[in-house]
Amino acid sequence: MERHDEALEELRLCLSLPSSGFHFRANAHESIARILLSQKDDLDGCIAECLKALDYDGTLVTARMLLADVYFRKGEFEAAADQFQVALDWMQRRDASVMRIDYEVSPSLLYRSHGICKLRAGRYEEAVSSLKMALESRPHDADAQLNLGLAFHALGRLDEAVEALSL
């Protein structure tokens, strides 16, 4: 048995115990989702586990970001953008005493990811807005700059596209 299979088995066993609290359950489902994605390439299983994690703790931004990433990989750009937007909403109203983040999540990363999803979904004005927000907090983000140029180009705003791509 592979180590990731053992980890999945142990996490599922822990989830079956009646004494585990909702924070533990949320984190366990997120961990299962990460294993399913990284070791099994099981996108649908990952989505199901992320949704379970978010049912237990909707403020778990890392699970929401993982869910958005999987939707993006599946080509479901609007669904991905929706998840990044919810994560952004939580970040804007976050209170460290009630919101749990396992590591510092950068708003610029969320804005950039949201903008890229909107660009892929053909929602170019929304992409421009999010990508500009990403660049406000991280002005030298090459990915955000490139995608901003692509969004301007798609809108036919060629002078702005050239400017965005030449910075």
Foldseek 3Di string as FASTA:
>chain_A
DDPLVVLLVVLVVVVPDPPDALQSQLVSLQVNLVSCCPPVVNLVSSLVSLVRSCVSPVLALVSLQSNLVSCVVVVVLVSSLVSLVSNLVCVVPDDVVRHDYPDDDDLLVSLQSSLVSCVSVVVLVSSLVSLVVSCVVPVPPLSSLQSNLVSCVSVVVNVVSVVSNVD
